[in-house]
PDB file of N, CA and C in Angstrom:
ATOM      1  N   UNK A   1      34.858  40.735 -89.176  1.00  0.00           N
ATOM      2  CA  UNK A   1      35.039  41.903 -88.344  1.00  0.00           C
ATOM      3  C   UNK A   1      36.536  42.105 -88.137  1.00  0.00           C
ATOM      4  N   UNK A   2      36.949  43.348 -88.214  1.00  0.00           N
ATOM      5  CA  UNK A   2      38.367  43.642 -88.047  1.00  0.00           C
ATOM      6  C   UNK A   2      38.777  43.482 -86.584  1.00  0.00           C
ATOM      7  N   UNK A   3      40.062  43.358 -86.397  1.00  0.00           N
ATOM      8  CA  UNK A   3      40.594  43.161 -85.055  1.00  0.00           C
ATOM      9  C   UNK A   3      40.289  44.360 -84.159  1.00  0.00           C
ATOM     10  N   UNK A   4      40.330  45.544 -84.730  1.00  0.00           N
ATOM     11  CA  UNK A   4      40.049  46.765 -83.970  1.00  0.00           C
ATOM     12  C   UNK A   4      38.594  46.786 -83.503  1.00  0.00           C
ATOM     13  N   UNK A   5      37.681  46.378 -84.384  1.00  0.00           N
ATOM     14  CA  UNK A   5      36.263  46.346 -84.024  1.00  0.00           C
ATOM     15  C   UNK A   5      36.008  45.293 -82.955  1.00  0.00           C
ATOM     16  N   UNK A   6      36.681  44.154 -83.067  1.00  0.00           N
ATOM     17  CA  UNK A   6      36.537  43.101 -82.064  1.00  0.00           C
ATOM     18  C   UNK A   6      37.012  43.592 -80.701  1.00  0.00           C
ATOM     19  N   UNK A   7      38.129  44.316 -80.709  1.00  0.00           N
ATOM     20  CA  UNK A   7      38.680  44.830 -79.465  1.00  0.00           C
ATOM     21  C   UNK A   7      37.724  45.848 -78.840  1.00  0.00           C
ATOM     22  N   UNK A   8      37.156  46.725 -79.665  1.00  0.00           N
ATOM     23  CA  UNK A   8      36.191  47.713 -79.177  1.00  0.00           C
ATOM     24  C   UNK A   8      34.942  47.041 -78.625  1.00  0.00           C
ATOM     25  N   UNK A   9      34.472  46.019 -79.324  1.00  0.00           N
ATOM     26  CA  UNK A   9      33.275  45.297 -78.875  1.00  0.00           C
ATOM     27  C   UNK A   9      33.542  44.600 -77.539  1.00  0.00           C
ATOM     28  N   UNK A  10      34.699  44.004 -77.424  1.00  0.00           N
ATOM     29  CA  UNK A  10      35.055  43.316 -76.167  1.00  0.00           C
ATOM     30  C   UNK A  10      35.182  44.319 -75.022  1.00  0.00           C
ATOM     31  N   UNK A  11      35.754  45.485 -75.309  1.00  0.00           N
ATOM     32  CA  UNK A  11      35.883  46.519 -74.286  1.00  0.00           C
ATOM     33  C   UNK A  11      34.499  47.006 -73.856  1.00  0.00           C
ATOM     34  N   UNK A  12      33.584  47.158 -74.797  1.00  0.00           N
ATOM     35  CA  UNK A  12      32.223  47.586 -74.476  1.00  0.00           C
ATOM     36  C   UNK A  12      31.521  46.546 -73.608  1.00  0.00           C
ATOM     37  N   UNK A  13      31.716  45.267 -73.925  1.00  0.00           N
ATOM     38  CA  UNK A  13      31.135  44.192 -73.115  1.00  0.00           C
ATOM     39  C   UNK A  13      31.710  44.210 -71.700  1.00  0.00           C
ATOM     40  N   UNK A  14      32.999  44.428 -71.596  1.00  0.00           N
ATOM     41  CA  UNK A  14      33.654  44.491 -70.287  1.00  0.00           C
ATOM     42  C   UNK A  14      33.093  45.647 -69.466  1.00  0.00           C
ATOM     43  N   UNK A  15      32.973  46.813 -70.082  1.00  0.00           N
ATOM     44  CA  UNK A  15      32.452  47.989 -69.382  1.00  0.00           C
ATOM     45  C   UNK A  15      31.003  47.784 -68.960  1.00  0.00           C
ATOM     46  N   UNK A  16      30.231  47.095 -69.787  1.00  0.00           N
ATOM     47  CA  UNK A  16      28.842  46.795 -69.438  1.00  0.00           C
ATOM     48  C   UNK A  16      28.787  45.862 -68.231  1.00  0.00           C
ATOM     49  N   UNK A  17      29.627  44.837 -68.212  1.00  0.00           N
ATOM     50  CA  UNK A  17      29.677  43.898 -67.092  1.00  0.00           C
ATOM     51  C   UNK A  17      30.130  44.608 -65.819  1.00  0.00           C
ATOM     52  N   UNK A  18      31.082  45.520 -65.943  1.00  0.00           N
ATOM     53  CA  UNK A  18      31.563  46.274 -64.795  1.00  0.00           C
ATOM     54  C   UNK A  18      30.473  47.198 -64.257  1.00  0.00           C
ATOM     55  N   UNK A  19      29.724  47.826 -65.144  1.00  0.00           N
ATOM     56  CA  UNK A  19      28.614  48.693 -64.728  1.00  0.00           C
ATOM     57  C   UNK A  19      27.534  47.882 -64.026  1.00  0.00           C
ATOM     58  N   UNK A  20      27.259  46.693 -64.526  1.00  0.00           N
ATOM     59  CA  UNK A  20      26.274  45.800 -63.898  1.00  0.00           C
ATOM     60  C   UNK A  20      26.724  45.449 -62.479  1.00  0.00           C
ATOM     61  N   UNK A  21      27.993  45.135 -62.324  1.00  0.00           N
ATOM     62  CA  UNK A  21      28.530  44.795 -61.010  1.00  0.00           C
ATOM     63  C   UNK A  21      28.385  45.978 -60.052  1.00  0.00           C
ATOM     64  N   UNK A  22      28.725  47.177 -60.515  1.00  0.00           N
ATOM     65  CA  UNK A  22      28.604  48.362 -59.672  1.00  0.00           C
ATOM     66  C   UNK A  22      27.158  48.640 -59.290  1.00  0.00           C
ATOM     67  N   UNK A  23      26.244  48.480 -60.244  1.00  0.00           N
ATOM     68  CA  UNK A  23      24.830  48.707 -59.968  1.00  0.00           C
ATOM     69  C   UNK A  23      24.312  47.727 -58.925  1.00  0.00           C
ATOM     70  N   UNK A  24      24.623  46.463 -59.097  1.00  0.00           N
ATOM     71  CA  UNK A  24      24.155  45.439 -58.163  1.00  0.00           C
ATOM     72  C   UNK A  24      24.764  45.668 -56.785  1.00  0.00           C
ATOM     73  N   UNK A  25      26.033  46.029 -56.740  1.00  0.00           N
ATOM     74  CA  UNK A  25      26.691  46.291 -55.455  1.00  0.00           C
ATOM     75  C   UNK A  25      25.986  47.444 -54.724  1.00  0.00           C
ATOM     76  N   UNK A  26      25.648  48.496 -55.447  1.00  0.00           N
ATOM     77  CA  UNK A  26      24.941  49.624 -54.846  1.00  0.00           C
ATOM     78  C   UNK A  26      23.564  49.233 -54.331  1.00  0.00           C
ATOM     79  N   UNK A  27      22.821  48.478 -55.146  1.00  0.00           N
ATOM     80  CA  UNK A  27      21.494  48.035 -54.721  1.00  0.00           C
ATOM     81  C   UNK A  27      21.585  47.098 -53.525  1.00  0.00           C
ATOM     82  N   UNK A  28      22.615  46.275 -53.492  1.00  0.00           N
ATOM     83  CA  UNK A  28      22.809  45.363 -52.369  1.00  0.00           C
ATOM     84  C   UNK A  28      23.080  46.151 -51.086  1.00  0.00           C
ATOM     85  N   UNK A  29      23.912  47.180 -51.182  1.00  0.00           N
ATOM     86  CA  UNK A  29      24.190  48.019 -50.016  1.00  0.00           C
ATOM     87  C   UNK A  29      22.925  48.720 -49.527  1.00  0.00           C
ATOM     88  N   UNK A  30      22.111  49.226 -50.458  1.00  0.00           N
ATOM     89  CA  UNK A  30      20.852  49.869 -50.087  1.00  0.00           C
ATOM     90  C   UNK A  30      19.919  48.885 -49.383  1.00  0.00           C
ATOM     91  N   UNK A  31      19.839  47.682 -49.906  1.00  0.00           N
ATOM     92  CA  UNK A  31      18.949  46.679 -49.341  1.00  0.00           C
ATOM     93  C   UNK A  31      19.414  46.254 -47.956  1.00  0.00           C
ATOM     94  N   UNK A  32      20.732  46.111 -47.772  1.00  0.00           N
ATOM     95  CA  UNK A  32      21.247  45.790 -46.440  1.00  0.00           C
ATOM     96  C   UNK A  32      20.906  46.919 -45.459  1.00  0.00           C
ATOM     97  N   UNK A  33      20.989  48.156 -45.921  1.00  0.00           N
ATOM     98  CA  UNK A  33      20.626  49.286 -45.071  1.00  0.00           C
ATOM     99  C   UNK A  33      19.164  49.232 -44.659  1.00  0.00           C
ATOM    100  N   UNK A  34      18.296  48.928 -45.625  1.00  0.00           N
ATOM    101  CA  UNK A  34      16.872  48.781 -45.316  1.00  0.00           C
ATOM    102  C   UNK A  34      16.643  47.630 -44.352  1.00  0.00           C
ATOM    103  N   UNK A  35      17.342  46.520 -44.595  1.00  0.00           N
ATOM    104  CA  UNK A  35      17.215  45.344 -43.733  1.00  0.00           C
ATOM    105  C   UNK A  35      17.560  45.699 -42.282  1.00  0.00           C
ATOM    106  N   UNK A  36      18.597  46.475 -42.105  1.00  0.00           N
ATOM    107  CA  UNK A  36      19.030  46.854 -40.764  1.00  0.00           C
ATOM    108  C   UNK A  36      18.090  47.863 -40.107  1.00  0.00           C
ATOM    109  N   UNK A  37      17.262  48.545 -40.895  1.00  0.00           N
ATOM    110  CA  UNK A  37      16.401  49.596 -40.358  1.00  0.00           C
ATOM    111  C   UNK A  37      14.973  49.131 -40.071  1.00  0.00           C
ATOM    112  N   UNK A  38      14.501  48.096 -40.745  1.00  0.00           N
ATOM    113  CA  UNK A  38      13.097  47.702 -40.589  1.00  0.00           C
ATOM    114  C   UNK A  38      12.904  46.811 -39.365  1.00  0.00           C
ATOM    115  N   UNK A  39      11.674  46.846 -38.864  1.00  0.00           N
ATOM    116  CA  UNK A  39      11.334  45.995 -37.720  1.00  0.00           C
ATOM    117  C   UNK A  39      10.157  45.084 -38.036  1.00  0.00           C
ATOM    118  N   UNK A  40       9.423  45.405 -39.079  1.00  0.00           N
ATOM    119  CA  UNK A  40       8.269  44.607 -39.483  1.00  0.00           C
ATOM    120  C   UNK A  40       8.727  43.273 -40.069  1.00  0.00           C
ATOM    121  N   UNK A  41       8.092  42.196 -39.652  1.00  0.00           N
ATOM    122  CA  UNK A  41       8.469  40.862 -40.126  1.00  0.00           C
ATOM    123  C   UNK A  41       8.351  40.690 -41.625  1.00  0.00           C
ATOM    124  N   UNK A  42       7.267  41.208 -42.207  1.00  0.00           N
ATOM    125  CA  UNK A  42       7.075  41.083 -43.653  1.00  0.00           C
ATOM    126  C   UNK A  42       8.135  41.863 -44.419  1.00  0.00           C
ATOM    127  N   UNK A  43       8.489  43.040 -43.911  1.00  0.00           N
ATOM    128  CA  UNK A  43       9.521  43.850 -44.562  1.00  0.00           C
ATOM    129  C   UNK A  43      10.876  43.155 -44.466  1.00  0.00           C
ATOM    130  N   UNK A  44      11.129  42.501 -43.351  1.00  0.00           N
ATOM    131  CA  UNK A  44      12.386  41.751 -43.212  1.00  0.00           C
ATOM    132  C   UNK A  44      12.454  40.615 -44.222  1.00  0.00           C
ATOM    133  N   UNK A  45      11.352  39.895 -44.365  1.00  0.00           N
ATOM    134  CA  UNK A  45      11.315  38.803 -45.345  1.00  0.00           C
ATOM    135  C   UNK A  45      11.555  39.325 -46.759  1.00  0.00           C
ATOM    136  N   UNK A  46      10.959  40.469 -47.059  1.00  0.00           N
ATOM    137  CA  UNK A  46      11.142  41.072 -48.380  1.00  0.00           C
ATOM    138  C   UNK A  46      12.614  41.413 -48.608  1.00  0.00           C
ATOM    139  N   UNK A  47      13.243  41.996 -47.600  1.00  0.00           N
ATOM    140  CA  UNK A  47      14.658  42.350 -47.715  1.00  0.00           C
ATOM    141  C   UNK A  47      15.521  41.102 -47.892  1.00  0.00           C
ATOM    142  N   UNK A  48      15.215  40.061 -47.143  1.00  0.00           N
ATOM    143  CA  UNK A  48      15.981  38.817 -47.256  1.00  0.00           C
ATOM    144  C   UNK A  48      15.863  38.234 -48.658  1.00  0.00           C
ATOM    145  N   UNK A  49      14.655  38.238 -49.200  1.00  0.00           N
ATOM    146  CA  UNK A  49      14.435  37.728 -50.550  1.00  0.00           C
ATOM    147  C   UNK A  49      15.214  38.569 -51.567  1.00  0.00           C
ATOM    148  N   UNK A  50      15.131  39.894 -51.417  1.00  0.00           N
ATOM    149  CA  UNK A  50      15.818  40.784 -52.355  1.00  0.00           C
ATOM    150  C   UNK A  50      17.336  40.622 -52.251  1.00  0.00           C
ATOM    151  N   UNK A  51      17.852  40.481 -51.036  1.00  0.00           N
ATOM    152  CA  UNK A  51      19.295  40.280 -50.845  1.00  0.00           C
ATOM    153  C   UNK A  51      19.740  38.992 -51.533  1.00  0.00           C
ATOM    154  N   UNK A  52      18.948  37.947 -51.383  1.00  0.00           N
ATOM    155  CA  UNK A  52      19.283  36.674 -52.021  1.00  0.00           C
ATOM    156  C   UNK A  52      19.332  36.816 -53.541  1.00  0.00           C
ATOM    157  N   UNK A  53      18.337  37.495 -54.099  1.00  0.00           N
ATOM    158  CA  UNK A  53      18.294  37.689 -55.553  1.00  0.00           C
ATOM    159  C   UNK A  53      19.468  38.544 -56.021  1.00  0.00           C
ATOM    160  N   UNK A  54      19.774  39.599 -55.273  1.00  0.00           N
ATOM    161  CA  UNK A  54      20.878  40.478 -55.657  1.00  0.00           C
ATOM    162  C   UNK A  54      22.226  39.769 -55.540  1.00  0.00           C
ATOM    163  N   UNK A  55      22.374  38.898 -54.550  1.00  0.00           N
ATOM    164  CA  UNK A  55      23.617  38.131 -54.433  1.00  0.00           C
ATOM    165  C   UNK A  55      23.804  37.226 -55.646  1.00  0.00           C
ATOM    166  N   UNK A  56      22.717  36.649 -56.122  1.00  0.00           N
ATOM    167  CA  UNK A  56      22.799  35.807 -57.322  1.00  0.00           C
ATOM    168  C   UNK A  56      23.210  36.635 -58.533  1.00  0.00           C
ATOM    169  N   UNK A  57      22.599  37.810 -58.686  1.00  0.00           N
ATOM    170  CA  UNK A  57      22.972  38.706 -59.797  1.00  0.00           C
ATOM    171  C   UNK A  57      24.425  39.137 -59.675  1.00  0.00           C
ATOM    172  N   UNK A  58      24.868  39.416 -58.445  1.00  0.00           N
ATOM    173  CA  UNK A  58      26.244  39.830 -58.206  1.00  0.00           C
ATOM    174  C   UNK A  58      27.204  38.721 -58.622  1.00  0.00           C
ATOM    175  N   UNK A  59      26.895  37.497 -58.232  1.00  0.00           N
ATOM    176  CA  UNK A  59      27.750  36.363 -58.600  1.00  0.00           C
ATOM    177  C   UNK A  59      27.817  36.178 -60.110  1.00  0.00           C
ATOM    178  N   UNK A  60      26.704  36.371 -60.784  1.00  0.00           N
ATOM    179  CA  UNK A  60      26.700  36.281 -62.256  1.00  0.00           C
ATOM    180  C   UNK A  60      27.572  37.374 -62.868  1.00  0.00           C
ATOM    181  N   UNK A  61      27.485  38.576 -62.318  1.00  0.00           N
ATOM    182  CA  UNK A  61      28.293  39.679 -62.835  1.00  0.00           C
ATOM    183  C   UNK A  61      29.775  39.417 -62.606  1.00  0.00           C
ATOM    184  N   UNK A  62      30.118  38.857 -61.469  1.00  0.00           N
ATOM    185  CA  UNK A  62      31.523  38.526 -61.178  1.00  0.00           C
ATOM    186  C   UNK A  62      32.019  37.467 -62.162  1.00  0.00           C
ATOM    187  N   UNK A  63      31.198  36.451 -62.410  1.00  0.00           N
ATOM    188  CA  UNK A  63      31.597  35.408 -63.378  1.00  0.00           C
ATOM    189  C   UNK A  63      31.783  36.004 -64.775  1.00  0.00           C
ATOM    190  N   UNK A  64      30.914  36.944 -65.136  1.00  0.00           N
ATOM    191  CA  UNK A  64      31.041  37.588 -66.451  1.00  0.00           C
ATOM    192  C   UNK A  64      32.352  38.355 -66.547  1.00  0.00           C
ATOM    193  N   UNK A  65      32.708  39.055 -65.484  1.00  0.00           N
ATOM    194  CA  UNK A  65      33.988  39.778 -65.495  1.00  0.00           C
ATOM    195  C   UNK A  65      35.170  38.834 -65.519  1.00  0.00           C
ATOM    196  N   UNK A  66      35.088  37.744 -64.792  1.00  0.00           N
ATOM    197  CA  UNK A  66      36.180  36.767 -64.778  1.00  0.00           C
ATOM    198  C   UNK A  66      36.406  36.159 -66.162  1.00  0.00           C
ATOM    199  N   UNK A  67      35.349  36.052 -66.929  1.00  0.00           N
ATOM    200  CA  UNK A  67      35.478  35.444 -68.262  1.00  0.00           C
ATOM    201  C   UNK A  67      36.387  36.279 -69.171  1.00  0.00           C
ATOM    202  N   UNK A  68      36.558  37.545 -68.863  1.00  0.00           N
ATOM    203  CA  UNK A  68      37.439  38.396 -69.675  1.00  0.00           C
ATOM    204  C   UNK A  68      38.911  38.099 -69.403  1.00  0.00           C
ATOM    205  N   UNK A  69      39.194  37.443 -68.308  1.00  0.00           N
ATOM    206  CA  UNK A  69      40.582  37.166 -67.941  1.00  0.00           C
ATOM    207  C   UNK A  69      40.984  35.731 -68.165  1.00  0.00           C
ATOM    208  N   UNK A  70      40.056  34.918 -68.652  1.00  0.00           N
ATOM    209  CA  UNK A  70      40.387  33.515 -68.888  1.00  0.00           C
ATOM    210  C   UNK A  70      40.809  33.269 -70.302  1.00  0.00           C
TER     211      UNK A  70
END
């Protein structure tokens, strides 16, 4: 693969990782909003579970972005 193609592929991977981070951040904000609005115990548990899962995805996305700078 030529150097130009490698650079384009790496840029595409970076943009994909950045989009993933933005998507997860948005979903996390939505879930926190729901968490703050609900009063039902089961709904609160659901929000807590979803927040935990989204935080894990967010951390993975951050690590993926950091790998571009190492």
